[in-house]
Amino acid sequence: MADEEQEPLWSGAWEEMTVPVPVAASLLCLSPHTVGHLVEGGHLVAEQRGNFRFVTLVSLFAYRRRHWSPERATRYNTTTLDQAAEHLAG
């Protein structure tokens, strides 16, 4: 098995999972407007469905891994997680 290439953990279903821009913004501690600029600038991958944009989780986590800082982490709190959960629940 050592010679075989292993698929990344995010392959498969993870690659197709998306979240609405407001949820992506909450997870990144940014405004939805800023997330829109990141999508337009090619820093995040999103798909358009009707009038709404959905950011792929893979691009969101990749961006967060590259740009996360201790200062940003201090702003990331339970309230942000609660807001993200509300958006996901609809």
PDB file of N, CA and C in Angstrom:
ATOM      1  N   MET A   1       0.796  -1.194   0.000  1.00  0.00           N
ATOM      2  CA  MET A   1       0.000   0.000   0.000  1.00  0.00           C
ATOM      3  C   MET A   1       0.843   1.265   0.000  1.00  0.00           C
ATOM      4  N   ALA A   2       2.086   1.150   0.394  1.00  0.00           N
ATOM      5  CA  ALA A   2       2.951   2.325   0.452  1.00  0.00           C
ATOM      6  C   ALA A   2       3.186   2.909  -0.931  1.00  0.00           C
ATOM      7  N   ASP A   3       3.169   2.066  -1.967  1.00  0.00           N
ATOM      8  CA  ASP A   3       3.392   2.543  -3.325  1.00  0.00           C
ATOM      9  C   ASP A   3       2.175   3.221  -3.922  1.00  0.00           C
ATOM     10  N   GLU A   4       0.998   2.901  -3.387  1.00  0.00           N
ATOM     11  CA  GLU A   4      -0.228   3.478  -3.922  1.00  0.00           C
ATOM     12  C   GLU A   4      -0.415   4.900  -3.389  1.00  0.00           C
ATOM     13  N   GLU A   5      -0.902   5.776  -4.245  1.00  0.00           N
ATOM     14  CA  GLU A   5      -1.207   7.128  -3.792  1.00  0.00           C
ATOM     15  C   GLU A   5      -2.507   7.100  -3.008  1.00  0.00           C
ATOM     16  N   GLN A   6      -2.505   7.752  -1.876  1.00  0.00           N
ATOM     17  CA  GLN A   6      -3.721   7.830  -1.079  1.00  0.00           C
ATOM     18  C   GLN A   6      -4.451   9.114  -1.422  1.00  0.00           C
ATOM     19  N   GLU A   7      -5.771   9.023  -1.465  1.00  0.00           N
ATOM     20  CA  GLU A   7      -6.580  10.214  -1.735  1.00  0.00           C
ATOM     21  C   GLU A   7      -6.534  11.134  -0.524  1.00  0.00           C
ATOM     22  N   PRO A   8      -6.532  12.441  -0.765  1.00  0.00           N
ATOM     23  CA  PRO A   8      -6.589  13.367   0.371  1.00  0.00           C
ATOM     24  C   PRO A   8      -7.879  13.170   1.159  1.00  0.00           C
ATOM     25  N   LEU A   9      -7.848  13.531   2.439  1.00  0.00           N
ATOM     26  CA  LEU A   9      -9.028  13.377   3.285  1.00  0.00           C
ATOM     27  C   LEU A   9     -10.217  14.170   2.770  1.00  0.00           C
ATOM     28  N   TRP A  10      -9.964  15.262   2.048  1.00  0.00           N
ATOM     29  CA  TRP A  10     -11.059  16.125   1.602  1.00  0.00           C
ATOM     30  C   TRP A  10     -11.634  15.699   0.252  1.00  0.00           C
ATOM     31  N   SER A  11     -11.095  14.646  -0.347  1.00  0.00           N
ATOM     32  CA  SER A  11     -11.618  14.237  -1.647  1.00  0.00           C
ATOM     33  C   SER A  11     -13.010  13.628  -1.480  1.00  0.00           C
ATOM     34  N   GLY A  12     -13.703  13.524  -2.573  1.00  0.00           N
ATOM     35  CA  GLY A  12     -15.038  12.949  -2.540  1.00  0.00           C
ATOM     36  C   GLY A  12     -16.085  13.962  -2.144  1.00  0.00           C
ATOM     37  N   ALA A  13     -16.871  13.618  -1.139  1.00  0.00           N
ATOM     38  CA  ALA A  13     -18.004  14.454  -0.726  1.00  0.00           C
ATOM     39  C   ALA A  13     -17.574  15.844  -0.275  1.00  0.00           C
ATOM     40  N   TRP A  14     -16.427  15.964   0.374  1.00  0.00           N
ATOM     41  CA  TRP A  14     -15.972  17.269   0.857  1.00  0.00           C
ATOM     42  C   TRP A  14     -15.813  18.252  -0.286  1.00  0.00           C
ATOM     43  N   GLU A  15     -15.370  17.776  -1.432  1.00  0.00           N
ATOM     44  CA  GLU A  15     -15.131  18.669  -2.559  1.00  0.00           C
ATOM     45  C   GLU A  15     -16.413  19.313  -3.070  1.00  0.00           C
ATOM     46  N   GLU A  16     -17.528  18.676  -2.830  1.00  0.00           N
ATOM     47  CA  GLU A  16     -18.798  19.197  -3.333  1.00  0.00           C
ATOM     48  C   GLU A  16     -19.584  19.990  -2.297  1.00  0.00           C
ATOM     49  N   MET A  17     -19.127  19.992  -1.056  1.00  0.00           N
ATOM     50  CA  MET A  17     -19.861  20.699  -0.004  1.00  0.00           C
ATOM     51  C   MET A  17     -19.615  22.202  -0.097  1.00  0.00           C
ATOM     52  N   THR A  18     -20.686  22.963   0.076  1.00  0.00           N
ATOM     53  CA  THR A  18     -20.603  24.416   0.015  1.00  0.00           C
ATOM     54  C   THR A  18     -21.395  25.031   1.161  1.00  0.00           C
ATOM     55  N   VAL A  19     -21.095  26.283   1.441  1.00  0.00           N
ATOM     56  CA  VAL A  19     -21.853  27.041   2.438  1.00  0.00           C
ATOM     57  C   VAL A  19     -22.189  28.397   1.840  1.00  0.00           C
ATOM     58  N   PRO A  20     -23.313  28.998   2.242  1.00  0.00           N
ATOM     59  CA  PRO A  20     -23.647  30.337   1.754  1.00  0.00           C
ATOM     60  C   PRO A  20     -22.597  31.354   2.206  1.00  0.00           C
ATOM     61  N   VAL A  21     -22.477  32.423   1.465  1.00  0.00           N
ATOM     62  CA  VAL A  21     -21.484  33.461   1.766  1.00  0.00           C
ATOM     63  C   VAL A  21     -21.581  33.956   3.215  1.00  0.00           C
ATOM     64  N   PRO A  22     -22.780  34.200   3.778  1.00  0.00           N
ATOM     65  CA  PRO A  22     -22.824  34.663   5.176  1.00  0.00           C
ATOM     66  C   PRO A  22     -22.203  33.660   6.158  1.00  0.00           C
ATOM     67  N   VAL A  23     -22.371  32.379   5.898  1.00  0.00           N
ATOM     68  CA  VAL A  23     -21.780  31.364   6.768  1.00  0.00           C
ATOM     69  C   VAL A  23     -20.265  31.362   6.594  1.00  0.00           C
ATOM     70  N   ALA A  24     -19.795  31.434   5.344  1.00  0.00           N
ATOM     71  CA  ALA A  24     -18.357  31.510   5.088  1.00  0.00           C
ATOM     72  C   ALA A  24     -17.760  32.727   5.789  1.00  0.00           C
ATOM     73  N   ALA A  25     -18.473  33.838   5.742  1.00  0.00           N
ATOM     74  CA  ALA A  25     -18.003  35.059   6.397  1.00  0.00           C
ATOM     75  C   ALA A  25     -17.885  34.851   7.903  1.00  0.00           C
ATOM     76  N   SER A  26     -18.873  34.208   8.513  1.00  0.00           N
ATOM     77  CA  SER A  26     -18.830  33.932   9.950  1.00  0.00           C
ATOM     78  C   SER A  26     -17.654  33.034  10.306  1.00  0.00           C
ATOM     79  N   LEU A  27     -17.412  32.028   9.495  1.00  0.00           N
ATOM     80  CA  LEU A  27     -16.316  31.099   9.776  1.00  0.00           C
ATOM     81  C   LEU A  27     -14.946  31.746   9.602  1.00  0.00           C
ATOM     82  N   LEU A  28     -14.873  32.771   8.767  1.00  0.00           N
ATOM     83  CA  LEU A  28     -13.599  33.472   8.543  1.00  0.00           C
ATOM     84  C   LEU A  28     -13.481  34.754   9.362  1.00  0.00           C
ATOM     85  N   CYS A  29     -14.516  35.084  10.132  1.00  0.00           N
ATOM     86  CA  CYS A  29     -14.562  36.343  10.902  1.00  0.00           C
ATOM     87  C   CYS A  29     -14.393  37.545   9.980  1.00  0.00           C
ATOM     88  N   LEU A  30     -15.073  37.498   8.851  1.00  0.00           N
ATOM     89  CA  LEU A  30     -15.048  38.582   7.872  1.00  0.00           C
ATOM     90  C   LEU A  30     -16.480  38.975   7.555  1.00  0.00           C
ATOM     91  N   SER A  31     -16.643  40.078   6.864  1.00  0.00           N
ATOM     92  CA  SER A  31     -17.981  40.468   6.429  1.00  0.00           C
ATOM     93  C   SER A  31     -18.332  39.714   5.141  1.00  0.00           C
ATOM     94  N   PRO A  32     -19.628  39.515   4.876  1.00  0.00           N
ATOM     95  CA  PRO A  32     -20.025  38.906   3.613  1.00  0.00           C
ATOM     96  C   PRO A  32     -19.498  39.695   2.413  1.00  0.00           C
ATOM     97  N   HIS A  33     -19.435  41.011   2.539  1.00  0.00           N
ATOM     98  CA  HIS A  33     -18.916  41.857   1.458  1.00  0.00           C
ATOM     99  C   HIS A  33     -17.453  41.498   1.153  1.00  0.00           C
ATOM    100  N   THR A  34     -16.653  41.318   2.200  1.00  0.00           N
ATOM    101  CA  THR A  34     -15.247  40.958   2.025  1.00  0.00           C
ATOM    102  C   THR A  34     -15.119  39.577   1.401  1.00  0.00           C
ATOM    103  N   VAL A  35     -15.953  38.641   1.826  1.00  0.00           N
ATOM    104  CA  VAL A  35     -15.931  37.302   1.230  1.00  0.00           C
ATOM    105  C   VAL A  35     -16.258  37.386  -0.259  1.00  0.00           C
ATOM    106  N   GLY A  36     -17.206  38.241  -0.615  1.00  0.00           N
ATOM    107  CA  GLY A  36     -17.522  38.449  -2.030  1.00  0.00           C
ATOM    108  C   GLY A  36     -16.313  38.924  -2.815  1.00  0.00           C
ATOM    109  N   HIS A  37     -15.541  39.843  -2.234  1.00  0.00           N
ATOM    110  CA  HIS A  37     -14.317  40.323  -2.888  1.00  0.00           C
ATOM    111  C   HIS A  37     -13.284  39.205  -3.011  1.00  0.00           C
ATOM    112  N   LEU A  38     -13.198  38.342  -2.005  1.00  0.00           N
ATOM    113  CA  LEU A  38     -12.259  37.222  -2.059  1.00  0.00           C
ATOM    114  C   LEU A  38     -12.651  36.243  -3.161  1.00  0.00           C
ATOM    115  N   VAL A  39     -13.942  36.039  -3.341  1.00  0.00           N
ATOM    116  CA  VAL A  39     -14.424  35.168  -4.420  1.00  0.00           C
ATOM    117  C   VAL A  39     -14.073  35.793  -5.769  1.00  0.00           C
ATOM    118  N   GLU A  40     -14.396  37.084  -5.923  1.00  0.00           N
ATOM    119  CA  GLU A  40     -14.125  37.776  -7.185  1.00  0.00           C
ATOM    120  C   GLU A  40     -12.633  37.834  -7.493  1.00  0.00           C
ATOM    121  N   GLY A  41     -11.795  37.884  -6.446  1.00  0.00           N
ATOM    122  CA  GLY A  41     -10.349  37.930  -6.635  1.00  0.00           C
ATOM    123  C   GLY A  41      -9.721  36.562  -6.839  1.00  0.00           C
ATOM    124  N   GLY A  42     -10.524  35.498  -6.767  1.00  0.00           N
ATOM    125  CA  GLY A  42     -10.014  34.157  -6.985  1.00  0.00           C
ATOM    126  C   GLY A  42      -9.387  33.509  -5.762  1.00  0.00           C
ATOM    127  N   HIS A  43      -9.562  34.110  -4.586  1.00  0.00           N
ATOM    128  CA  HIS A  43      -8.994  33.548  -3.364  1.00  0.00           C
ATOM    129  C   HIS A  43      -9.886  32.460  -2.766  1.00  0.00           C
ATOM    130  N   LEU A  44     -11.169  32.522  -3.067  1.00  0.00           N
ATOM    131  CA  LEU A  44     -12.132  31.502  -2.649  1.00  0.00           C
ATOM    132  C   LEU A  44     -12.892  31.039  -3.882  1.00  0.00           C
ATOM    133  N   VAL A  45     -13.288  29.776  -3.866  1.00  0.00           N
ATOM    134  CA  VAL A  45     -14.065  29.223  -4.978  1.00  0.00           C
ATOM    135  C   VAL A  45     -15.531  29.204  -4.566  1.00  0.00           C
ATOM    136  N   ALA A  46     -16.381  29.705  -5.435  1.00  0.00           N
ATOM    137  CA  ALA A  46     -17.814  29.731  -5.138  1.00  0.00           C
ATOM    138  C   ALA A  46     -18.594  29.377  -6.391  1.00  0.00           C
ATOM    139  N   GLU A  47     -19.802  28.910  -6.171  1.00  0.00           N
ATOM    140  CA  GLU A  47     -20.710  28.640  -7.281  1.00  0.00           C
ATOM    141  C   GLU A  47     -21.958  29.491  -7.098  1.00  0.00           C
ATOM    142  N   GLN A  48     -22.481  29.914  -8.200  1.00  0.00           N
ATOM    143  CA  GLN A  48     -23.684  30.747  -8.199  1.00  0.00           C
ATOM    144  C   GLN A  48     -24.896  29.843  -8.374  1.00  0.00           C
ATOM    145  N   ARG A  49     -25.878  29.986  -7.493  1.00  0.00           N
ATOM    146  CA  ARG A  49     -27.152  29.264  -7.630  1.00  0.00           C
ATOM    147  C   ARG A  49     -28.256  30.293  -7.501  1.00  0.00           C
ATOM    148  N   GLY A  50     -28.817  30.659  -8.628  1.00  0.00           N
ATOM    149  CA  GLY A  50     -29.831  31.707  -8.619  1.00  0.00           C
ATOM    150  C   GLY A  50     -29.197  33.017  -8.217  1.00  0.00           C
ATOM    151  N   ASN A  51     -29.763  33.657  -7.196  1.00  0.00           N
ATOM    152  CA  ASN A  51     -29.233  34.933  -6.710  1.00  0.00           C
ATOM    153  C   ASN A  51     -28.194  34.770  -5.599  1.00  0.00           C
ATOM    154  N   PHE A  52     -27.852  33.535  -5.270  1.00  0.00           N
ATOM    155  CA  PHE A  52     -26.981  33.291  -4.122  1.00  0.00           C
ATOM    156  C   PHE A  52     -25.677  32.625  -4.538  1.00  0.00           C
ATOM    157  N   ARG A  53     -24.613  32.946  -3.775  1.00  0.00           N
ATOM    158  CA  ARG A  53     -23.306  32.331  -3.993  1.00  0.00           C
ATOM    159  C   ARG A  53     -23.004  31.402  -2.829  1.00  0.00           C
ATOM    160  N   PHE A  54     -22.400  30.267  -3.146  1.00  0.00           N
ATOM    161  CA  PHE A  54     -22.019  29.286  -2.152  1.00  0.00           C
ATOM    162  C   PHE A  54     -20.535  29.007  -2.280  1.00  0.00           C
ATOM    163  N   VAL A  55     -19.810  29.142  -1.173  1.00  0.00           N
ATOM    164  CA  VAL A  55     -18.362  28.949  -1.148  1.00  0.00           C
ATOM    165  C   VAL A  55     -18.062  27.487  -0.847  1.00  0.00           C
ATOM    166  N   THR A  56     -17.117  26.909  -1.587  1.00  0.00           N
ATOM    167  CA  THR A  56     -16.751  25.520  -1.324  1.00  0.00           C
ATOM    168  C   THR A  56     -16.001  25.434   0.001  1.00  0.00           C
ATOM    169  N   LEU A  57     -16.292  24.382   0.755  1.00  0.00           N
ATOM    170  CA  LEU A  57     -15.615  24.197   2.040  1.00  0.00           C
ATOM    171  C   LEU A  57     -14.113  24.000   1.853  1.00  0.00           C
ATOM    172  N   VAL A  58     -13.726  23.305   0.798  1.00  0.00           N
ATOM    173  CA  VAL A  58     -12.304  23.068   0.561  1.00  0.00           C
ATOM    174  C   VAL A  58     -11.562  24.389   0.394  1.00  0.00           C
ATOM    175  N   SER A  59     -12.108  25.314  -0.401  1.00  0.00           N
ATOM    176  CA  SER A  59     -11.422  26.598  -0.589  1.00  0.00           C
ATOM    177  C   SER A  59     -11.474  27.441   0.684  1.00  0.00           C
ATOM    178  N   LEU A  60     -12.573  27.342   1.430  1.00  0.00           N
ATOM    179  CA  LEU A  60     -12.704  28.093   2.676  1.00  0.00           C
ATOM    180  C   LEU A  60     -11.645  27.634   3.681  1.00  0.00           C
ATOM    181  N   PHE A  61     -11.504  26.317   3.852  1.00  0.00           N
ATOM    182  CA  PHE A  61     -10.520  25.811   4.810  1.00  0.00           C
ATOM    183  C   PHE A  61      -9.094  26.083   4.348  1.00  0.00           C
ATOM    184  N   ALA A  62      -8.856  26.012   3.041  1.00  0.00           N
ATOM    185  CA  ALA A  62      -7.520  26.318   2.518  1.00  0.00           C
ATOM    186  C   ALA A  62      -7.171  27.785   2.769  1.00  0.00           C
ATOM    187  N   TYR A  63      -8.122  28.676   2.523  1.00  0.00           N
ATOM    188  CA  TYR A  63      -7.891  30.099   2.768  1.00  0.00           C
ATOM    189  C   TYR A  63      -7.641  30.342   4.251  1.00  0.00           C
ATOM    190  N   ARG A  64      -8.456  29.739   5.073  1.00  0.00           N
ATOM    191  CA  ARG A  64      -8.325  29.926   6.526  1.00  0.00           C
ATOM    192  C   ARG A  64      -6.969  29.421   7.017  1.00  0.00           C
ATOM    193  N   ARG A  65      -6.516  28.288   6.486  1.00  0.00           N
ATOM    194  CA  ARG A  65      -5.223  27.741   6.884  1.00  0.00           C
ATOM    195  C   ARG A  65      -4.086  28.686   6.505  1.00  0.00           C
ATOM    196  N   ARG A  66      -4.186  29.328   5.330  1.00  0.00           N
ATOM    197  CA  ARG A  66      -3.141  30.247   4.867  1.00  0.00           C
ATOM    198  C   ARG A  66      -3.160  31.583   5.599  1.00  0.00           C
ATOM    199  N   HIS A  67      -4.326  32.044   6.024  1.00  0.00           N
ATOM    200  CA  HIS A  67      -4.456  33.406   6.541  1.00  0.00           C
ATOM    201  C   HIS A  67      -4.861  33.504   8.008  1.00  0.00           C
ATOM    202  N   TRP A  68      -4.934  32.400   8.710  1.00  0.00           N
ATOM    203  CA  TRP A  68      -5.358  32.426  10.100  1.00  0.00           C
ATOM    204  C   TRP A  68      -4.245  33.004  10.960  1.00  0.00           C
ATOM    205  N   SER A  69      -4.591  33.802  11.946  1.00  0.00           N
ATOM    206  CA  SER A  69      -3.600  34.405  12.839  1.00  0.00           C
ATOM    207  C   SER A  69      -4.151  34.392  14.264  1.00  0.00           C
ATOM    208  N   PRO A  70      -3.264  34.473  15.256  1.00  0.00           N
ATOM    209  CA  PRO A  70      -3.748  34.527  16.644  1.00  0.00           C
ATOM    210  C   PRO A  70      -4.668  35.723  16.897  1.00  0.00           C
ATOM    211  N   GLU A  71      -4.390  36.851  16.225  1.00  0.00           N
ATOM    212  CA  GLU A  71      -5.244  38.032  16.399  1.00  0.00           C
ATOM    213  C   GLU A  71      -6.658  37.749  15.901  1.00  0.00           C
ATOM    214  N   ARG A  72      -6.762  37.075  14.758  1.00  0.00           N
ATOM    215  CA  ARG A  72      -8.079  36.737  14.214  1.00  0.00           C
ATOM    216  C   ARG A  72      -8.767  35.708  15.116  1.00  0.00           C
ATOM    217  N   ALA A  73      -7.993  34.803  15.698  1.00  0.00           N
ATOM    218  CA  ALA A  73      -8.563  33.769  16.557  1.00  0.00           C
ATOM    219  C   ALA A  73      -9.224  34.371  17.790  1.00  0.00           C
ATOM    220  N   THR A  74      -8.706  35.492  18.286  1.00  0.00           N
ATOM    221  CA  THR A  74      -9.317  36.107  19.462  1.00  0.00           C
ATOM    222  C   THR A  74     -10.717  36.631  19.157  1.00  0.00           C
ATOM    223  N   ARG A  75     -10.975  36.951  17.869  1.00  0.00           N
ATOM    224  CA  ARG A  75     -12.308  37.438  17.485  1.00  0.00           C
ATOM    225  C   ARG A  75     -13.256  36.287  17.204  1.00  0.00           C
ATOM    226  N   TYR A  76     -12.721  35.068  17.098  1.00  0.00           N
ATOM    227  CA  TYR A  76     -13.518  33.892  16.776  1.00  0.00           C
ATOM    228  C   TYR A  76     -14.062  33.331  18.080  1.00  0.00           C
ATOM    229  N   ASN A  77     -15.351  33.453  18.284  1.00  0.00           N
ATOM    230  CA  ASN A  77     -15.911  33.042  19.565  1.00  0.00           C
ATOM    231  C   ASN A  77     -17.169  32.212  19.370  1.00  0.00           C
ATOM    232  N   THR A  78     -17.781  31.813  20.455  1.00  0.00           N
ATOM    233  CA  THR A  78     -18.982  30.984  20.410  1.00  0.00           C
ATOM    234  C   THR A  78     -20.108  31.670  19.651  1.00  0.00           C
ATOM    235  N   THR A  79     -20.217  32.973  19.772  1.00  0.00           N
ATOM    236  CA  THR A  79     -21.272  33.699  19.061  1.00  0.00           C
ATOM    237  C   THR A  79     -21.143  33.494  17.560  1.00  0.00           C
ATOM    238  N   THR A  80     -19.924  33.524  17.047  1.00  0.00           N
ATOM    239  CA  THR A  80     -19.705  33.296  15.622  1.00  0.00           C
ATOM    240  C   THR A  80     -20.161  31.905  15.227  1.00  0.00           C
ATOM    241  N   LEU A  81     -19.824  30.916  16.041  1.00  0.00           N
ATOM    242  CA  LEU A  81     -20.255  29.547  15.750  1.00  0.00           C
ATOM    243  C   LEU A  81     -21.771  29.433  15.788  1.00  0.00           C
ATOM    244  N   ASP A  82     -22.407  30.104  16.745  1.00  0.00           N
ATOM    245  CA  ASP A  82     -23.856  30.079  16.837  1.00  0.00           C
ATOM    246  C   ASP A  82     -24.491  30.705  15.599  1.00  0.00           C
ATOM    247  N   GLN A  83     -23.928  31.826  15.127  1.00  0.00           N
ATOM    248  CA  GLN A  83     -24.466  32.488  13.935  1.00  0.00           C
ATOM    249  C   GLN A  83     -24.313  31.581  12.715  1.00  0.00           C
ATOM    250  N   ALA A  84     -23.178  30.910  12.589  1.00  0.00           N
ATOM    251  CA  ALA A  84     -22.969  29.995  11.462  1.00  0.00           C
ATOM    252  C   ALA A  84     -23.974  28.851  11.510  1.00  0.00           C
ATOM    253  N   ALA A  85     -24.211  28.317  12.695  1.00  0.00           N
ATOM    254  CA  ALA A  85     -25.176  27.217  12.835  1.00  0.00           C
ATOM    255  C   ALA A  85     -26.587  27.678  12.459  1.00  0.00           C
ATOM    256  N   GLU A  86     -26.937  28.900  12.841  1.00  0.00           N
ATOM    257  CA  GLU A  86     -28.264  29.437  12.477  1.00  0.00           C
ATOM    258  C   GLU A  86     -28.407  29.547  10.967  1.00  0.00           C
ATOM    259  N   HIS A  87     -27.362  30.045  10.296  1.00  0.00           N
ATOM    260  CA  HIS A  87     -27.410  30.169   8.837  1.00  0.00           C
ATOM    261  C   HIS A  87     -27.559  28.804   8.180  1.00  0.00           C
ATOM    262  N   LEU A  88     -26.838  27.807   8.683  1.00  0.00           N
ATOM    263  CA  LEU A  88     -26.933  26.473   8.110  1.00  0.00           C
ATOM    264  C   LEU A  88     -28.314  25.864   8.331  1.00  0.00           C
ATOM    265  N   ALA A  89     -28.891  26.133   9.493  1.00  0.00           N
ATOM    266  CA  ALA A  89     -30.204  25.577   9.814  1.00  0.00           C
ATOM    267  C   ALA A  89     -31.310  26.235   9.002  1.00  0.00           C
ATOM    268  N   GLY A  90     -31.024  27.454   8.501  1.00  0.00           N
ATOM    269  CA  GLY A  90     -32.014  28.147   7.676  1.00  0.00           C
ATOM    270  C   GLY A  90     -32.969  28.872   8.511  1.00  0.00           C
TER     271      GLY A  90
END
